[in-house]
């Protein structure tokens, strides 16, 4: 159970909306909270991280690309500039 205090103007608007919708203030508040939480959950599901987490740090079947990047770069540069 939850009790909240609303500013007078907001409660008045909520009462008006409940009458217009032929509903109760409680039902409208529950629906608003459910909608808010669903929206929040959807944002987490569709975040940039969650959409690409299986790809981060993976390139050419190398799962340690971020760790090995400097080593690979050093090797490429040494091979390119090695005149021996």
Protein backbone atom coordinates (compact mmCIF):
# COMPACT_ATOMS: atom_id res chain seq x y z
CA UNK A 1 0.00 0.00 0.00
CA UNK A 2 1.20 3.46 -0.83
CA UNK A 3 -0.02 6.88 0.23
CA UNK A 4 1.07 10.03 -1.54
CA UNK A 5 0.40 13.70 -1.11
CA UNK A 6 -0.19 15.67 -4.26
CA UNK A 7 -0.18 19.41 -4.69
CA UNK A 8 -3.72 20.78 -4.79
CA UNK A 9 -3.61 21.63 -8.50
CA UNK A 10 -2.34 18.18 -9.50
CA UNK A 11 -4.98 16.41 -7.41
CA UNK A 12 -7.64 18.62 -8.94
CA UNK A 13 -6.46 17.73 -12.45
CA UNK A 14 -6.38 14.05 -11.49
CA UNK A 15 -9.95 14.25 -10.16
CA UNK A 16 -11.10 15.92 -13.37
CA UNK A 17 -9.35 13.29 -15.49
CA UNK A 18 -10.92 10.48 -13.44
CA UNK A 19 -14.38 11.94 -14.00
CA UNK A 20 -13.76 12.39 -17.72
CA UNK A 21 -12.48 8.82 -18.03
CA UNK A 22 -15.27 7.46 -15.83
CA UNK A 23 -12.58 5.98 -13.62
CA UNK A 24 -11.06 6.45 -10.19
CA UNK A 25 -8.01 8.44 -9.20
CA UNK A 26 -6.45 5.23 -7.87
CA UNK A 27 -6.92 3.43 -11.16
CA UNK A 28 -5.44 6.31 -13.16
CA UNK A 29 -2.42 6.53 -10.84
CA UNK A 30 -1.85 2.75 -11.08
CA UNK A 31 -2.02 2.90 -14.87
CA UNK A 32 0.40 5.83 -14.92
CA UNK A 33 2.88 4.01 -12.68
CA UNK A 34 2.64 0.82 -14.76
CA UNK A 35 3.20 2.84 -17.93
CA UNK A 36 6.18 4.65 -16.39
CA UNK A 37 7.80 1.39 -15.21
CA UNK A 38 7.22 -0.32 -18.58
CA UNK A 39 8.81 2.67 -20.33
CA UNK A 40 11.78 2.55 -17.96
CA UNK A 41 12.20 -1.20 -18.52
CA UNK A 42 12.04 -0.70 -22.30
CA UNK A 43 14.75 1.97 -22.12
CA UNK A 44 17.01 -0.46 -20.25
CA UNK A 45 16.30 -3.22 -22.75
CA UNK A 46 17.03 -0.92 -25.71
CA UNK A 47 20.03 0.89 -24.27
CA UNK A 48 23.08 1.20 -26.48
CA UNK A 49 24.95 -1.13 -24.15
CA UNK A 50 22.29 -3.84 -24.10
CA UNK A 51 21.88 -3.73 -27.89
CA UNK A 52 25.60 -4.15 -28.54
CA UNK A 53 26.99 -5.90 -25.48
CA UNK A 54 27.61 -9.12 -27.38
CA UNK A 55 29.75 -7.17 -29.88
CA UNK A 56 31.84 -5.02 -27.54
CA UNK A 57 35.50 -5.88 -27.75
CA UNK A 58 34.92 -8.51 -30.43
CA UNK A 59 36.45 -8.20 -33.87
CA UNK A 60 37.65 -10.88 -36.21
CA UNK A 61 36.89 -13.60 -33.63
CA UNK A 62 39.19 -11.93 -31.11
CA UNK A 63 37.27 -11.57 -27.86
CA UNK A 64 40.21 -9.79 -26.21
CA UNK A 65 40.59 -7.04 -28.78
CA UNK A 66 40.52 -4.24 -26.24
CA UNK A 67 43.23 -5.97 -24.19
CA UNK A 68 45.37 -7.03 -27.15
CA UNK A 69 44.98 -3.86 -29.22
CA UNK A 70 48.30 -2.30 -28.19
CA UNK A 71 50.16 -5.57 -28.74
CA UNK A 72 48.60 -6.02 -32.19
CA UNK A 73 49.31 -2.42 -33.15
CA UNK A 74 52.95 -2.77 -32.04
CA UNK A 75 53.31 -5.95 -34.13
CA UNK A 76 51.80 -4.30 -37.26
CA UNK A 77 54.00 -1.23 -36.91
CA UNK A 78 57.13 -3.35 -36.33
CA UNK A 79 56.40 -5.47 -39.41
CA UNK A 80 55.73 -2.40 -41.52
CA UNK A 81 58.83 -0.52 -40.48
CA UNK A 82 61.20 -3.42 -39.99
CA UNK A 83 63.78 -3.25 -42.74
CA UNK A 84 65.79 -6.31 -41.71
